Amino acid sequence: MDSIYEFVKSARDEYCSGTIEVIPGYEFSRHVTLCTIELYYNSKFISGSKDGLRRKKRFYNICKFRMNVAIRATDLDTPRT
């Protein structure tokens, strides 16, 4: 039986480089998706902030305000003591 350290290392490596076949012909990577979400939330492109002519690319974040509105609109019922 492998040690716990080897198990954790193999799980980490599979998470970073592994993919899941959702339907035949379509591969999904959890790691890549989470990295993309983090970059887009922080208004950054995957390919970098400069284009082919070394000009700064503008990122129009059209999703962040919707998330902020949804957070404020969520009503959490808390028990009163």
PDB file of N, CA and C in Angstrom:
ATOM      1  N   MET A   1       0.831  -1.186   0.000  1.00  0.00           N
ATOM      2  CA  MET A   1       0.000   0.000   0.000  1.00  0.00           C
ATOM      3  C   MET A   1       0.873   1.246   0.000  1.00  0.00           C
ATOM      4  N   ASP A   2       0.489   2.226  -0.805  1.00  0.00           N
ATOM      5  CA  ASP A   2       1.234   3.475  -0.871  1.00  0.00           C
ATOM      6  C   ASP A   2       1.042   4.277   0.405  1.00  0.00           C
ATOM      7  N   SER A   3       2.008   5.110   0.682  1.00  0.00           N
ATOM      8  CA  SER A   3       1.870   5.979   1.853  1.00  0.00           C
ATOM      9  C   SER A   3       0.897   7.108   1.537  1.00  0.00           C
ATOM     10  N   ILE A   4       0.462   7.784   2.564  1.00  0.00           N
ATOM     11  CA  ILE A   4      -0.487   8.893   2.397  1.00  0.00           C
ATOM     12  C   ILE A   4       0.136  10.010   1.564  1.00  0.00           C
ATOM     13  N   TYR A   5       1.439  10.197   1.693  1.00  0.00           N
ATOM     14  CA  TYR A   5       2.118  11.248   0.938  1.00  0.00           C
ATOM     15  C   TYR A   5       2.091  10.964  -0.559  1.00  0.00           C
ATOM     16  N   GLU A   6       2.304   9.714  -0.926  1.00  0.00           N
ATOM     17  CA  GLU A   6       2.252   9.343  -2.342  1.00  0.00           C
ATOM     18  C   GLU A   6       0.836   9.470  -2.890  1.00  0.00           C
ATOM     19  N   PHE A   7      -0.165   9.133  -2.070  1.00  0.00           N
ATOM     20  CA  PHE A   7      -1.555   9.269  -2.495  1.00  0.00           C
ATOM     21  C   PHE A   7      -1.917  10.734  -2.733  1.00  0.00           C
ATOM     22  N   VAL A   8      -1.529  11.606  -1.813  1.00  0.00           N
ATOM     23  CA  VAL A   8      -1.819  13.038  -1.953  1.00  0.00           C
ATOM     24  C   VAL A   8      -1.088  13.607  -3.160  1.00  0.00           C
ATOM     25  N   LYS A   9       0.164  13.203  -3.361  1.00  0.00           N
ATOM     26  CA  LYS A   9       0.932  13.686  -4.512  1.00  0.00           C
ATOM     27  C   LYS A   9       0.294  13.249  -5.824  1.00  0.00           C
ATOM     28  N   SER A  10      -0.153  12.010  -5.898  1.00  0.00           N
ATOM     29  CA  SER A  10      -0.781  11.544  -7.141  1.00  0.00           C
ATOM     30  C   SER A  10      -2.124  12.232  -7.370  1.00  0.00           C
ATOM     31  N   ALA A  11      -2.888  12.495  -6.296  1.00  0.00           N
ATOM     32  CA  ALA A  11      -4.165  13.217  -6.443  1.00  0.00           C
ATOM     33  C   ALA A  11      -3.926  14.647  -6.909  1.00  0.00           C
ATOM     34  N   ARG A  12      -2.899  15.296  -6.366  1.00  0.00           N
ATOM     35  CA  ARG A  12      -2.565  16.661  -6.786  1.00  0.00           C
ATOM     36  C   ARG A  12      -2.134  16.694  -8.251  1.00  0.00           C
ATOM     37  N   ASP A  13      -1.290  15.758  -8.644  1.00  0.00           N
ATOM     38  CA  ASP A  13      -0.826  15.714 -10.034  1.00  0.00           C
ATOM     39  C   ASP A  13      -1.978  15.445 -10.991  1.00  0.00           C
ATOM     40  N   GLU A  14      -2.888  14.563 -10.609  1.00  0.00           N
ATOM     41  CA  GLU A  14      -4.040  14.286 -11.471  1.00  0.00           C
ATOM     42  C   GLU A  14      -4.948  15.513 -11.592  1.00  0.00           C
ATOM     43  N   TYR A  15      -5.116  16.249 -10.491  1.00  0.00           N
ATOM     44  CA  TYR A  15      -5.938  17.464 -10.526  1.00  0.00           C
ATOM     45  C   TYR A  15      -5.328  18.503 -11.467  1.00  0.00           C
ATOM     46  N   CYS A  16      -4.015  18.693 -11.404  1.00  0.00           N
ATOM     47  CA  CYS A  16      -3.368  19.725 -12.216  1.00  0.00           C
ATOM     48  C   CYS A  16      -3.279  19.355 -13.691  1.00  0.00           C
ATOM     49  N   SER A  17      -3.075  18.080 -13.996  1.00  0.00           N
ATOM     50  CA  SER A  17      -2.862  17.709 -15.395  1.00  0.00           C
ATOM     51  C   SER A  17      -3.956  16.822 -15.972  1.00  0.00           C
ATOM     52  N   GLY A  18      -4.844  16.310 -15.146  1.00  0.00           N
ATOM     53  CA  GLY A  18      -5.864  15.392 -15.620  1.00  0.00           C
ATOM     54  C   GLY A  18      -7.077  16.099 -16.192  1.00  0.00           C
ATOM     55  N   THR A  19      -7.806  15.370 -17.007  1.00  0.00           N
ATOM     56  CA  THR A  19      -9.043  15.885 -17.575  1.00  0.00           C
ATOM     57  C   THR A  19     -10.144  14.850 -17.385  1.00  0.00           C
ATOM     58  N   ILE A  20     -11.366  15.313 -17.495  1.00  0.00           N
ATOM     59  CA  ILE A  20     -12.539  14.453 -17.396  1.00  0.00           C
ATOM     60  C   ILE A  20     -13.251  14.513 -18.742  1.00  0.00           C
ATOM     61  N   GLU A  21     -13.614  13.361 -19.287  1.00  0.00           N
ATOM     62  CA  GLU A  21     -14.349  13.341 -20.551  1.00  0.00           C
ATOM     63  C   GLU A  21     -15.833  13.421 -20.224  1.00  0.00           C
ATOM     64  N   VAL A  22     -16.413  14.606 -20.435  1.00  0.00           N
ATOM     65  CA  VAL A  22     -17.811  14.844 -20.108  1.00  0.00           C
ATOM     66  C   VAL A  22     -18.714  14.077 -21.068  1.00  0.00           C
ATOM     67  N   ILE A  23     -18.497  14.285 -22.341  1.00  0.00           N
ATOM     68  CA  ILE A  23     -19.168  13.529 -23.390  1.00  0.00           C
ATOM     69  C   ILE A  23     -18.079  13.101 -24.361  1.00  0.00           C
ATOM     70  N   PRO A  24     -18.314  12.105 -25.177  1.00  0.00           N
ATOM     71  CA  PRO A  24     -17.265  11.681 -26.112  1.00  0.00           C
ATOM     72  C   PRO A  24     -16.789  12.839 -26.994  1.00  0.00           C
ATOM     73  N   GLY A  25     -15.488  13.086 -26.942  1.00  0.00           N
ATOM     74  CA  GLY A  25     -14.892  14.142 -27.747  1.00  0.00           C
ATOM     75  C   GLY A  25     -14.730  15.467 -27.024  1.00  0.00           C
ATOM     76  N   TYR A  26     -15.215  15.586 -25.787  1.00  0.00           N
ATOM     77  CA  TYR A  26     -15.092  16.845 -25.029  1.00  0.00           C
ATOM     78  C   TYR A  26     -14.392  16.584 -23.711  1.00  0.00           C
ATOM     79  N   GLU A  27     -13.210  17.160 -23.558  1.00  0.00           N
ATOM     80  CA  GLU A  27     -12.417  17.018 -22.340  1.00  0.00           C
ATOM     81  C   GLU A  27     -12.597  18.259 -21.472  1.00  0.00           C
ATOM     82  N   PHE A  28     -12.711  18.072 -20.163  1.00  0.00           N
ATOM     83  CA  PHE A  28     -12.904  19.159 -19.216  1.00  0.00           C
ATOM     84  C   PHE A  28     -11.806  19.088 -18.167  1.00  0.00           C
ATOM     85  N   SER A  29     -11.156  20.225 -17.910  1.00  0.00           N
ATOM     86  CA  SER A  29     -10.108  20.294 -16.902  1.00  0.00           C
ATOM     87  C   SER A  29     -10.553  21.226 -15.782  1.00  0.00           C
ATOM     88  N   ARG A  30     -10.640  20.697 -14.582  1.00  0.00           N
ATOM     89  CA  ARG A  30     -11.057  21.513 -13.440  1.00  0.00           C
ATOM     90  C   ARG A  30     -10.041  22.596 -13.140  1.00  0.00           C
ATOM     91  N   HIS A  31      -8.762  22.254 -13.211  1.00  0.00           N
ATOM     92  CA  HIS A  31      -7.699  23.202 -12.898  1.00  0.00           C
ATOM     93  C   HIS A  31      -7.702  24.388 -13.863  1.00  0.00           C
ATOM     94  N   VAL A  32      -7.798  24.105 -15.150  1.00  0.00           N
ATOM     95  CA  VAL A  32      -7.809  25.171 -16.158  1.00  0.00           C
ATOM     96  C   VAL A  32      -9.037  26.062 -15.995  1.00  0.00           C
ATOM     97  N   THR A  33     -10.190  25.458 -15.697  1.00  0.00           N
ATOM     98  CA  THR A  33     -11.418  26.232 -15.519  1.00  0.00           C
ATOM     99  C   THR A  33     -11.313  27.167 -14.323  1.00  0.00           C
ATOM    100  N   LEU A  34     -10.800  26.684 -13.208  1.00  0.00           N
ATOM    101  CA  LEU A  34     -10.655  27.536 -12.023  1.00  0.00           C
ATOM    102  C   LEU A  34      -9.628  28.648 -12.238  1.00  0.00           C
ATOM    103  N   CYS A  35      -8.549  28.363 -12.957  1.00  0.00           N
ATOM    104  CA  CYS A  35      -7.570  29.406 -13.275  1.00  0.00           C
ATOM    105  C   CYS A  35      -8.184  30.467 -14.171  1.00  0.00           C
ATOM    106  N   THR A  36      -8.977  30.057 -15.152  1.00  0.00           N
ATOM    107  CA  THR A  36      -9.644  30.998 -16.050  1.00  0.00           C
ATOM    108  C   THR A  36     -10.630  31.873 -15.282  1.00  0.00           C
ATOM    109  N   ILE A  37     -11.398  31.290 -14.380  1.00  0.00           N
ATOM    110  CA  ILE A  37     -12.349  32.057 -13.575  1.00  0.00           C
ATOM    111  C   ILE A  37     -11.613  33.100 -12.743  1.00  0.00           C
ATOM    112  N   GLU A  38     -10.509  32.715 -12.129  1.00  0.00           N
ATOM    113  CA  GLU A  38      -9.743  33.645 -11.288  1.00  0.00           C
ATOM    114  C   GLU A  38      -9.178  34.801 -12.114  1.00  0.00           C
ATOM    115  N   LEU A  39      -8.662  34.490 -13.302  1.00  0.00           N
ATOM    116  CA  LEU A  39      -8.138  35.550 -14.171  1.00  0.00           C
ATOM    117  C   LEU A  39      -9.245  36.500 -14.621  1.00  0.00           C
ATOM    118  N   TYR A  40     -10.368  35.964 -15.062  1.00  0.00           N
ATOM    119  CA  TYR A  40     -11.463  36.807 -15.535  1.00  0.00           C
ATOM    120  C   TYR A  40     -12.059  37.642 -14.417  1.00  0.00           C
ATOM    121  N   TYR A  41     -12.146  37.100 -13.204  1.00  0.00           N
ATOM    122  CA  TYR A  41     -12.663  37.877 -12.077  1.00  0.00           C
ATOM    123  C   TYR A  41     -11.758  39.076 -11.785  1.00  0.00           C
ATOM    124  N   ASN A  42     -10.449  38.889 -11.986  1.00  0.00           N
ATOM    125  CA  ASN A  42      -9.489  39.965 -11.752  1.00  0.00           C
ATOM    126  C   ASN A  42      -9.185  40.766 -13.013  1.00  0.00           C
ATOM    127  N   SER A  43     -10.037  40.652 -14.031  1.00  0.00           N
ATOM    128  CA  SER A  43      -9.955  41.424 -15.274  1.00  0.00           C
ATOM    129  C   SER A  43      -8.632  41.230 -16.011  1.00  0.00           C
ATOM    130  N   LYS A  44      -8.213  39.988 -16.161  1.00  0.00           N
ATOM    131  CA  LYS A  44      -6.976  39.681 -16.873  1.00  0.00           C
ATOM    132  C   LYS A  44      -7.253  38.644 -17.951  1.00  0.00           C
ATOM    133  N   PHE A  45      -6.523  38.744 -19.053  1.00  0.00           N
ATOM    134  CA  PHE A  45      -6.629  37.780 -20.141  1.00  0.00           C
ATOM    135  C   PHE A  45      -5.724  36.585 -19.879  1.00  0.00           C
ATOM    136  N   ILE A  46      -6.060  35.436 -20.447  1.00  0.00           N
ATOM    137  CA  ILE A  46      -5.230  34.243 -20.324  1.00  0.00           C
ATOM    138  C   ILE A  46      -3.918  34.446 -21.076  1.00  0.00           C
ATOM    139  N   SER A  47      -3.982  35.121 -22.210  1.00  0.00           N
ATOM    140  CA  SER A  47      -2.805  35.290 -23.059  1.00  0.00           C
ATOM    141  C   SER A  47      -1.913  36.451 -22.646  1.00  0.00           C
ATOM    142  N   GLY A  48      -2.249  37.158 -21.593  1.00  0.00           N
ATOM    143  CA  GLY A  48      -1.418  38.277 -21.146  1.00  0.00           C
ATOM    144  C   GLY A  48      -2.087  39.611 -21.407  1.00  0.00           C
ATOM    145  N   SER A  49      -1.471  40.667 -20.901  1.00  0.00           N
ATOM    146  CA  SER A  49      -2.084  41.991 -20.982  1.00  0.00           C
ATOM    147  C   SER A  49      -1.668  42.782 -22.218  1.00  0.00           C
ATOM    148  N   LYS A  50      -0.772  42.238 -23.049  1.00  0.00           N
ATOM    149  CA  LYS A  50      -0.315  42.934 -24.261  1.00  0.00           C
ATOM    150  C   LYS A  50      -0.713  42.136 -25.495  1.00  0.00           C
ATOM    151  N   ASP A  51      -1.016  42.840 -26.587  1.00  0.00           N
ATOM    152  CA  ASP A  51      -1.356  42.154 -27.836  1.00  0.00           C
ATOM    153  C   ASP A  51      -0.092  41.889 -28.655  1.00  0.00           C
ATOM    154  N   GLY A  52      -0.258  41.459 -29.894  1.00  0.00           N
ATOM    155  CA  GLY A  52       0.875  41.132 -30.751  1.00  0.00           C
ATOM    156  C   GLY A  52       1.774  42.311 -31.073  1.00  0.00           C
ATOM    157  N   LEU A  53       1.229  43.508 -31.021  1.00  0.00           N
ATOM    158  CA  LEU A  53       2.017  44.717 -31.283  1.00  0.00           C
ATOM    159  C   LEU A  53       2.498  45.381 -29.999  1.00  0.00           C
ATOM    160  N   ARG A  54       2.446  44.644 -28.879  1.00  0.00           N
ATOM    161  CA  ARG A  54       2.902  45.105 -27.563  1.00  0.00           C
ATOM    162  C   ARG A  54       2.083  46.270 -27.012  1.00  0.00           C
ATOM    163  N   ARG A  55       0.816  46.366 -27.455  1.00  0.00           N
ATOM    164  CA  ARG A  55      -0.088  47.384 -26.908  1.00  0.00           C
ATOM    165  C   ARG A  55      -0.901  46.759 -25.791  1.00  0.00           C
ATOM    166  N   LYS A  56      -1.271  47.557 -24.820  1.00  0.00           N
ATOM    167  CA  LYS A  56      -2.072  47.072 -23.696  1.00  0.00           C
ATOM    168  C   LYS A  56      -3.480  46.760 -24.173  1.00  0.00           C
ATOM    169  N   LYS A  57      -3.968  45.570 -23.816  1.00  0.00           N
ATOM    170  CA  LYS A  57      -5.335  45.166 -24.169  1.00  0.00           C
ATOM    171  C   LYS A  57      -6.273  45.615 -23.052  1.00  0.00           C
ATOM    172  N   ARG A  58      -7.438  46.085 -23.437  1.00  0.00           N
ATOM    173  CA  ARG A  58      -8.443  46.474 -22.448  1.00  0.00           C
ATOM    174  C   ARG A  58      -9.345  45.290 -22.151  1.00  0.00           C
ATOM    175  N   PHE A  59      -9.664  45.111 -20.881  1.00  0.00           N
ATOM    176  CA  PHE A  59     -10.543  44.025 -20.451  1.00  0.00           C
ATOM    177  C   PHE A  59     -11.789  44.660 -19.868  1.00  0.00           C
ATOM    178  N   TYR A  60     -12.916  44.463 -20.524  1.00  0.00           N
ATOM    179  CA  TYR A  60     -14.188  44.986 -20.037  1.00  0.00           C
ATOM    180  C   TYR A  60     -14.884  43.884 -19.254  1.00  0.00           C
ATOM    181  N   ASN A  61     -14.796  43.981 -17.950  1.00  0.00           N
ATOM    182  CA  ASN A  61     -15.363  42.950 -17.080  1.00  0.00           C
ATOM    183  C   ASN A  61     -16.857  43.192 -16.943  1.00  0.00           C
ATOM    184  N   ILE A  62     -17.655  42.415 -17.665  1.00  0.00           N
ATOM    185  CA  ILE A  62     -19.109  42.598 -17.660  1.00  0.00           C
ATOM    186  C   ILE A  62     -19.803  41.657 -16.681  1.00  0.00           C
ATOM    187  N   CYS A  63     -19.038  40.866 -15.949  1.00  0.00           N
ATOM    188  CA  CYS A  63     -19.643  39.892 -15.037  1.00  0.00           C
ATOM    189  C   CYS A  63     -19.493  40.261 -13.571  1.00  0.00           C
ATOM    190  N   LYS A  64     -18.485  41.039 -13.238  1.00  0.00           N
ATOM    191  CA  LYS A  64     -18.192  41.301 -11.832  1.00  0.00           C
ATOM    192  C   LYS A  64     -19.326  42.052 -11.136  1.00  0.00           C
ATOM    193  N   PHE A  65     -19.921  43.040 -11.820  1.00  0.00           N
ATOM    194  CA  PHE A  65     -20.994  43.796 -11.181  1.00  0.00           C
ATOM    195  C   PHE A  65     -22.218  42.910 -10.956  1.00  0.00           C
ATOM    196  N   ARG A  66     -22.446  41.945 -11.851  1.00  0.00           N
ATOM    197  CA  ARG A  66     -23.582  41.033 -11.671  1.00  0.00           C
ATOM    198  C   ARG A  66     -23.384  40.152 -10.442  1.00  0.00           C
ATOM    199  N   MET A  67     -22.161  39.730 -10.221  1.00  0.00           N
ATOM    200  CA  MET A  67     -21.890  38.934  -9.043  1.00  0.00           C
ATOM    201  C   MET A  67     -22.089  39.765  -7.773  1.00  0.00           C
ATOM    202  N   ASN A  68     -21.645  41.018  -7.786  1.00  0.00           N
ATOM    203  CA  ASN A  68     -21.825  41.884  -6.619  1.00  0.00           C
ATOM    204  C   ASN A  68     -23.307  42.131  -6.336  1.00  0.00           C
ATOM    205  N   VAL A  69     -24.103  42.300  -7.382  1.00  0.00           N
ATOM    206  CA  VAL A  69     -25.546  42.487  -7.206  1.00  0.00           C
ATOM    207  C   VAL A  69     -26.170  41.223  -6.623  1.00  0.00           C
ATOM    208  N   ALA A  70     -25.771  40.060  -7.118  1.00  0.00           N
ATOM    209  CA  ALA A  70     -26.318  38.801  -6.624  1.00  0.00           C
ATOM    210  C   ALA A  70     -25.941  38.578  -5.159  1.00  0.00           C
ATOM    211  N   ILE A  71     -24.741  38.970  -4.784  1.00  0.00           N
ATOM    212  CA  ILE A  71     -24.324  38.822  -3.390  1.00  0.00           C
ATOM    213  C   ILE A  71     -25.176  39.707  -2.492  1.00  0.00           C
ATOM    214  N   ARG A  72     -25.418  40.942  -2.911  1.00  0.00           N
ATOM    215  CA  ARG A  72     -26.234  41.859  -2.098  1.00  0.00           C
ATOM    216  C   ARG A  72     -27.698  41.440  -2.069  1.00  0.00           C
ATOM    217  N   ALA A  73     -28.171  40.797  -3.123  1.00  0.00           N
ATOM    218  CA  ALA A  73     -29.579  40.415  -3.199  1.00  0.00           C
ATOM    219  C   ALA A  73     -29.877  39.120  -2.449  1.00  0.00           C
ATOM    220  N   THR A  74     -28.842  38.381  -2.092  1.00  0.00           N
ATOM    221  CA  THR A  74     -29.048  37.128  -1.369  1.00  0.00           C
ATOM    222  C   THR A  74     -29.470  37.431   0.058  1.00  0.00           C
ATOM    223  N   ASP A  75     -30.599  36.883   0.454  1.00  0.00           N
ATOM    224  CA  ASP A  75     -31.124  37.101   1.796  1.00  0.00           C
ATOM    225  C   ASP A  75     -30.844  35.855   2.621  1.00  0.00           C
ATOM    226  N   LEU A  76     -30.019  36.024   3.641  1.00  0.00           N
ATOM    227  CA  LEU A  76     -29.711  34.904   4.512  1.00  0.00           C
ATOM    228  C   LEU A  76     -30.544  35.047   5.783  1.00  0.00           C
ATOM    229  N   ASP A  77     -31.343  34.054   6.054  1.00  0.00           N
ATOM    230  CA  ASP A  77     -32.134  34.050   7.282  1.00  0.00           C
ATOM    231  C   ASP A  77     -31.299  33.486   8.420  1.00  0.00           C
ATOM    232  N   THR A  78     -31.108  34.277   9.441  1.00  0.00           N
ATOM    233  CA  THR A  78     -30.339  33.826  10.588  1.00  0.00           C
ATOM    234  C   THR A  78     -31.265  33.717  11.786  1.00  0.00           C
ATOM    235  N   PRO A  79     -31.053  32.728  12.626  1.00  0.00           N
ATOM    236  CA  PRO A  79     -31.927  32.571  13.801  1.00  0.00           C
ATOM    237  C   PRO A  79     -31.692  33.697  14.812  1.00  0.00           C
ATOM    238  N   ARG A  80     -32.753  34.137  15.399  1.00  0.00           N
ATOM    239  CA  ARG A  80     -32.629  35.170  16.422  1.00  0.00           C
ATOM    240  C   ARG A  80     -32.521  34.504  17.788  1.00  0.00           C
ATOM    241  N   THR A  81     -31.691  35.088  18.618  1.00  0.00           N
ATOM    242  CA  THR A  81     -31.522  34.514  19.965  1.00  0.00           C
ATOM    243  C   THR A  81     -32.139  35.378  21.011  1.00  0.00           C
TER     244      THR A  81
END
